[in-house]
Amino acid sequence: MKVLSCRDVGVNCDFQARGTTVDEVVRKAANHARKDHHVDKVTKDYLDAWRKKVHNE
């Protein structure tokens, strides 16, 4: 299982996106950022940075 938490990218939030692939995890993280952190546009820079932080659980 792969995981990315908000804390992994410097955000004070307990959310963790989990999935079997990096793309699945990043997609869940992007949806969370839009919904709960009011990020209007998840840019390519965000996605690239997040992909680097995804790790195995």
PDB file of N, CA and C in Angstrom:
ATOM      1  N   MET A   1       0.845  -1.172   0.000  1.00  0.00           N
ATOM      2  CA  MET A   1       0.000   0.000   0.000  1.00  0.00           C
ATOM      3  C   MET A   1       0.896   1.242   0.000  1.00  0.00           C
ATOM      4  N   LYS A   2       0.536   2.206  -0.798  1.00  0.00           N
ATOM      5  CA  LYS A   2       1.270   3.471  -0.867  1.00  0.00           C
ATOM      6  C   LYS A   2       0.475   4.536  -0.113  1.00  0.00           C
ATOM      7  N   VAL A   3       1.179   5.519   0.437  1.00  0.00           N
ATOM      8  CA  VAL A   3       0.524   6.525   1.272  1.00  0.00           C
ATOM      9  C   VAL A   3       1.201   7.883   1.103  1.00  0.00           C
ATOM     10  N   LEU A   4       0.390   8.918   1.247  1.00  0.00           N
ATOM     11  CA  LEU A   4       0.866  10.303   1.282  1.00  0.00           C
ATOM     12  C   LEU A   4      -0.016  11.041   2.273  1.00  0.00           C
ATOM     13  N   SER A   5       0.605  11.682   3.245  1.00  0.00           N
ATOM     14  CA  SER A   5      -0.176  12.456   4.210  1.00  0.00           C
ATOM     15  C   SER A   5       0.036  13.943   3.948  1.00  0.00           C
ATOM     16  N   CYS A   6      -0.894  14.734   4.412  1.00  0.00           N
ATOM     17  CA  CYS A   6      -0.729  16.186   4.313  1.00  0.00           C
ATOM     18  C   CYS A   6       0.553  16.612   5.020  1.00  0.00           C
ATOM     19  N   ARG A   7       0.828  15.992   6.133  1.00  0.00           N
ATOM     20  CA  ARG A   7       2.044  16.342   6.892  1.00  0.00           C
ATOM     21  C   ARG A   7       3.318  16.072   6.090  1.00  0.00           C
ATOM     22  N   ASP A   8       3.278  15.082   5.201  1.00  0.00           N
ATOM     23  CA  ASP A   8       4.430  14.782   4.347  1.00  0.00           C
ATOM     24  C   ASP A   8       4.792  15.960   3.446  1.00  0.00           C
ATOM     25  N   VAL A   9       3.794  16.791   3.139  1.00  0.00           N
ATOM     26  CA  VAL A   9       4.036  17.940   2.250  1.00  0.00           C
ATOM     27  C   VAL A   9       3.947  19.266   3.001  1.00  0.00           C
ATOM     28  N   GLY A  10       4.040  19.190   4.337  1.00  0.00           N
ATOM     29  CA  GLY A  10       4.148  20.402   5.141  1.00  0.00           C
ATOM     30  C   GLY A  10       2.841  21.051   5.557  1.00  0.00           C
ATOM     31  N   VAL A  11       1.735  20.315   5.454  1.00  0.00           N
ATOM     32  CA  VAL A  11       0.436  20.860   5.839  1.00  0.00           C
ATOM     33  C   VAL A  11       0.011  20.236   7.165  1.00  0.00           C
ATOM     34  N   ASN A  12      -0.428  21.066   8.100  1.00  0.00           N
ATOM     35  CA  ASN A  12      -0.848  20.602   9.419  1.00  0.00           C
ATOM     36  C   ASN A  12      -2.258  20.012   9.331  1.00  0.00           C
ATOM     37  N   CYS A  13      -2.325  18.746   8.923  1.00  0.00           N
ATOM     38  CA  CYS A  13      -3.600  18.053   8.710  1.00  0.00           C
ATOM     39  C   CYS A  13      -3.333  16.563   8.834  1.00  0.00           C
ATOM     40  N   ASP A  14      -4.263  15.816   9.392  1.00  0.00           N
ATOM     41  CA  ASP A  14      -4.081  14.389   9.629  1.00  0.00           C
ATOM     42  C   ASP A  14      -4.498  13.501   8.454  1.00  0.00           C
ATOM     43  N   PHE A  15      -4.966  14.087   7.364  1.00  0.00           N
ATOM     44  CA  PHE A  15      -5.420  13.301   6.212  1.00  0.00           C
ATOM     45  C   PHE A  15      -4.278  12.463   5.631  1.00  0.00           C
ATOM     46  N   GLN A  16      -4.611  11.238   5.236  1.00  0.00           N
ATOM     47  CA  GLN A  16      -3.672  10.370   4.532  1.00  0.00           C
ATOM     48  C   GLN A  16      -4.376   9.769   3.320  1.00  0.00           C
ATOM     49  N   ALA A  17      -3.766   9.942   2.162  1.00  0.00           N
ATOM     50  CA  ALA A  17      -4.273   9.311   0.940  1.00  0.00           C
ATOM     51  C   ALA A  17      -3.557   7.977   0.803  1.00  0.00           C
ATOM     52  N   ARG A  18      -4.333   6.919   0.541  1.00  0.00           N
ATOM     53  CA  ARG A  18      -3.760   5.581   0.390  1.00  0.00           C
ATOM     54  C   ARG A  18      -4.243   4.976  -0.918  1.00  0.00           C
ATOM     55  N   GLY A  19      -3.385   4.143  -1.498  1.00  0.00           N
ATOM     56  CA  GLY A  19      -3.767   3.455  -2.720  1.00  0.00           C
ATOM     57  C   GLY A  19      -2.708   2.454  -3.125  1.00  0.00           C
ATOM     58  N   THR A  20      -3.000   1.728  -4.185  1.00  0.00           N
ATOM     59  CA  THR A  20      -2.063   0.714  -4.656  1.00  0.00           C
ATOM     60  C   THR A  20      -1.045   1.288  -5.638  1.00  0.00           C
ATOM     61  N   THR A  21      -1.351   2.459  -6.218  1.00  0.00           N
ATOM     62  CA  THR A  21      -0.411   3.096  -7.146  1.00  0.00           C
ATOM     63  C   THR A  21      -0.169   4.543  -6.726  1.00  0.00           C
ATOM     64  N   VAL A  22       0.938   5.085  -7.192  1.00  0.00           N
ATOM     65  CA  VAL A  22       1.252   6.490  -6.913  1.00  0.00           C
ATOM     66  C   VAL A  22       0.173   7.387  -7.508  1.00  0.00           C
ATOM     67  N   ASP A  23      -0.272   7.087  -8.726  1.00  0.00           N
ATOM     68  CA  ASP A  23      -1.303   7.913  -9.367  1.00  0.00           C
ATOM     69  C   ASP A  23      -2.598   7.929  -8.566  1.00  0.00           C
ATOM     70  N   GLU A  24      -2.994   6.788  -8.028  1.00  0.00           N
ATOM     71  CA  GLU A  24      -4.210   6.718  -7.210  1.00  0.00           C
ATOM     72  C   GLU A  24      -4.069   7.587  -5.961  1.00  0.00           C
ATOM     73  N   VAL A  25      -2.924   7.503  -5.317  1.00  0.00           N
ATOM     74  CA  VAL A  25      -2.681   8.284  -4.101  1.00  0.00           C
ATOM     75  C   VAL A  25      -2.700   9.775  -4.414  1.00  0.00           C
ATOM     76  N   VAL A  26      -2.028  10.175  -5.470  1.00  0.00           N
ATOM     77  CA  VAL A  26      -1.961  11.591  -5.834  1.00  0.00           C
ATOM     78  C   VAL A  26      -3.342  12.110  -6.223  1.00  0.00           C
ATOM     79  N   ARG A  27      -4.134  11.303  -6.913  1.00  0.00           N
ATOM     80  CA  ARG A  27      -5.500  11.702  -7.283  1.00  0.00           C
ATOM     81  C   ARG A  27      -6.342  11.948  -6.020  1.00  0.00           C
ATOM     82  N   LYS A  28      -6.237  11.057  -5.044  1.00  0.00           N
ATOM     83  CA  LYS A  28      -6.982  11.227  -3.790  1.00  0.00           C
ATOM     84  C   LYS A  28      -6.496  12.468  -3.031  1.00  0.00           C
ATOM     85  N   ALA A  29      -5.193  12.690  -3.045  1.00  0.00           N
ATOM     86  CA  ALA A  29      -4.642  13.868  -2.370  1.00  0.00           C
ATOM     87  C   ALA A  29      -5.123  15.149  -3.046  1.00  0.00           C
ATOM     88  N   ALA A  30      -5.173  15.159  -4.365  1.00  0.00           N
ATOM     89  CA  ALA A  30      -5.646  16.335  -5.101  1.00  0.00           C
ATOM     90  C   ALA A  30      -7.112  16.625  -4.780  1.00  0.00           C
ATOM     91  N   ASN A  31      -7.928  15.593  -4.738  1.00  0.00           N
ATOM     92  CA  ASN A  31      -9.341  15.781  -4.385  1.00  0.00           C
ATOM     93  C   ASN A  31      -9.474  16.341  -2.973  1.00  0.00           C
ATOM     94  N   HIS A  32      -8.683  15.837  -2.049  1.00  0.00           N
ATOM     95  CA  HIS A  32      -8.698  16.332  -0.673  1.00  0.00           C
ATOM     96  C   HIS A  32      -8.257  17.797  -0.617  1.00  0.00           C
ATOM     97  N   ALA A  33      -7.209  18.138  -1.350  1.00  0.00           N
ATOM     98  CA  ALA A  33      -6.710  19.521  -1.360  1.00  0.00           C
ATOM     99  C   ALA A  33      -7.781  20.484  -1.855  1.00  0.00           C
ATOM    100  N   ARG A  34      -8.489  20.083  -2.907  1.00  0.00           N
ATOM    101  CA  ARG A  34      -9.556  20.943  -3.445  1.00  0.00           C
ATOM    102  C   ARG A  34     -10.703  21.098  -2.441  1.00  0.00           C
ATOM    103  N   LYS A  35     -11.136  19.980  -1.881  1.00  0.00           N
ATOM    104  CA  LYS A  35     -12.312  19.986  -1.015  1.00  0.00           C
ATOM    105  C   LYS A  35     -12.042  20.588   0.362  1.00  0.00           C
ATOM    106  N   ASP A  36     -10.964  20.151   1.011  1.00  0.00           N
ATOM    107  CA  ASP A  36     -10.757  20.506   2.411  1.00  0.00           C
ATOM    108  C   ASP A  36      -9.767  21.639   2.650  1.00  0.00           C
ATOM    109  N   HIS A  37      -8.917  21.914   1.659  1.00  0.00           N
ATOM    110  CA  HIS A  37      -7.947  23.001   1.815  1.00  0.00           C
ATOM    111  C   HIS A  37      -8.217  24.143   0.842  1.00  0.00           C
ATOM    112  N   HIS A  38      -9.306  24.022   0.092  1.00  0.00           N
ATOM    113  CA  HIS A  38      -9.769  25.076  -0.814  1.00  0.00           C
ATOM    114  C   HIS A  38      -8.706  25.493  -1.825  1.00  0.00           C
ATOM    115  N   VAL A  39      -7.949  24.512  -2.310  1.00  0.00           N
ATOM    116  CA  VAL A  39      -6.982  24.763  -3.374  1.00  0.00           C
ATOM    117  C   VAL A  39      -7.769  24.793  -4.675  1.00  0.00           C
ATOM    118  N   ASP A  40      -7.840  25.964  -5.302  1.00  0.00           N
ATOM    119  CA  ASP A  40      -8.646  26.116  -6.519  1.00  0.00           C
ATOM    120  C   ASP A  40      -8.091  25.308  -7.681  1.00  0.00           C
ATOM    121  N   LYS A  41      -6.772  25.325  -7.819  1.00  0.00           N
ATOM    122  CA  LYS A  41      -6.154  24.627  -8.942  1.00  0.00           C
ATOM    123  C   LYS A  41      -4.952  23.834  -8.438  1.00  0.00           C
ATOM    124  N   VAL A  42      -5.014  22.533  -8.620  1.00  0.00           N
ATOM    125  CA  VAL A  42      -3.893  21.672  -8.270  1.00  0.00           C
ATOM    126  C   VAL A  42      -2.965  21.656  -9.491  1.00  0.00           C
ATOM    127  N   THR A  43      -1.854  22.328  -9.363  1.00  0.00           N
ATOM    128  CA  THR A  43      -0.952  22.511 -10.501  1.00  0.00           C
ATOM    129  C   THR A  43      -0.049  21.299 -10.716  1.00  0.00           C
ATOM    130  N   LYS A  44       0.597  21.278 -11.860  1.00  0.00           N
ATOM    131  CA  LYS A  44       1.563  20.226 -12.171  1.00  0.00           C
ATOM    132  C   LYS A  44       2.695  20.231 -11.145  1.00  0.00           C
ATOM    133  N   ASP A  45       3.086  21.416 -10.677  1.00  0.00           N
ATOM    134  CA  ASP A  45       4.133  21.500  -9.660  1.00  0.00           C
ATOM    135  C   ASP A  45       3.719  20.797  -8.368  1.00  0.00           C
ATOM    136  N   TYR A  46       2.462  21.010  -7.950  1.00  0.00           N
ATOM    137  CA  TYR A  46       1.944  20.296  -6.775  1.00  0.00           C
ATOM    138  C   TYR A  46       2.040  18.785  -7.010  1.00  0.00           C
ATOM    139  N   LEU A  47       1.500  18.340  -8.129  1.00  0.00           N
ATOM    140  CA  LEU A  47       1.449  16.904  -8.404  1.00  0.00           C
ATOM    141  C   LEU A  47       2.841  16.285  -8.448  1.00  0.00           C
ATOM    142  N   ASP A  48       3.775  16.964  -9.095  1.00  0.00           N
ATOM    143  CA  ASP A  48       5.148  16.454  -9.170  1.00  0.00           C
ATOM    144  C   ASP A  48       5.780  16.351  -7.780  1.00  0.00           C
ATOM    145  N   ALA A  49       5.573  17.372  -6.959  1.00  0.00           N
ATOM    146  CA  ALA A  49       6.127  17.372  -5.598  1.00  0.00           C
ATOM    147  C   ALA A  49       5.499  16.261  -4.758  1.00  0.00           C
ATOM    148  N   TRP A  50       4.190  16.087  -4.892  1.00  0.00           N
ATOM    149  CA  TRP A  50       3.499  15.049  -4.125  1.00  0.00           C
ATOM    150  C   TRP A  50       3.959  13.668  -4.533  1.00  0.00           C
ATOM    151  N   ARG A  51       4.129  13.440  -5.836  1.00  0.00           N
ATOM    152  CA  ARG A  51       4.563  12.119  -6.317  1.00  0.00           C
ATOM    153  C   ARG A  51       5.887  11.720  -5.646  1.00  0.00           C
ATOM    154  N   LYS A  52       6.766  12.669  -5.467  1.00  0.00           N
ATOM    155  CA  LYS A  52       8.072  12.384  -4.850  1.00  0.00           C
ATOM    156  C   LYS A  52       7.950  12.001  -3.379  1.00  0.00           C
ATOM    157  N   LYS A  53       6.856  12.413  -2.729  1.00  0.00           N
ATOM    158  CA  LYS A  53       6.670  12.171  -1.289  1.00  0.00           C
ATOM    159  C   LYS A  53       5.869  10.907  -0.987  1.00  0.00           C
ATOM    160  N   VAL A  54       5.252  10.313  -1.997  1.00  0.00           N
ATOM    161  CA  VAL A  54       4.488   9.073  -1.778  1.00  0.00           C
ATOM    162  C   VAL A  54       5.468   7.984  -1.350  1.00  0.00           C
ATOM    163  N   HIS A  55       5.093   7.230  -0.333  1.00  0.00           N
ATOM    164  CA  HIS A  55       5.966   6.180   0.170  1.00  0.00           C
ATOM    165  C   HIS A  55       5.152   4.930   0.487  1.00  0.00           C
ATOM    166  N   ASN A  56       5.853   3.828   0.661  1.00  0.00           N
ATOM    167  CA  ASN A  56       5.193   2.579   1.035  1.00  0.00           C
ATOM    168  C   ASN A  56       4.851   2.590   2.513  1.00  0.00           C
ATOM    169  N   GLU A  57       3.701   2.068   2.821  1.00  0.00           N
ATOM    170  CA  GLU A  57       3.228   2.041   4.207  1.00  0.00           C
ATOM    171  C   GLU A  57       3.931   0.966   4.998  1.00  0.00           C
TER     172      GLU A  57
END
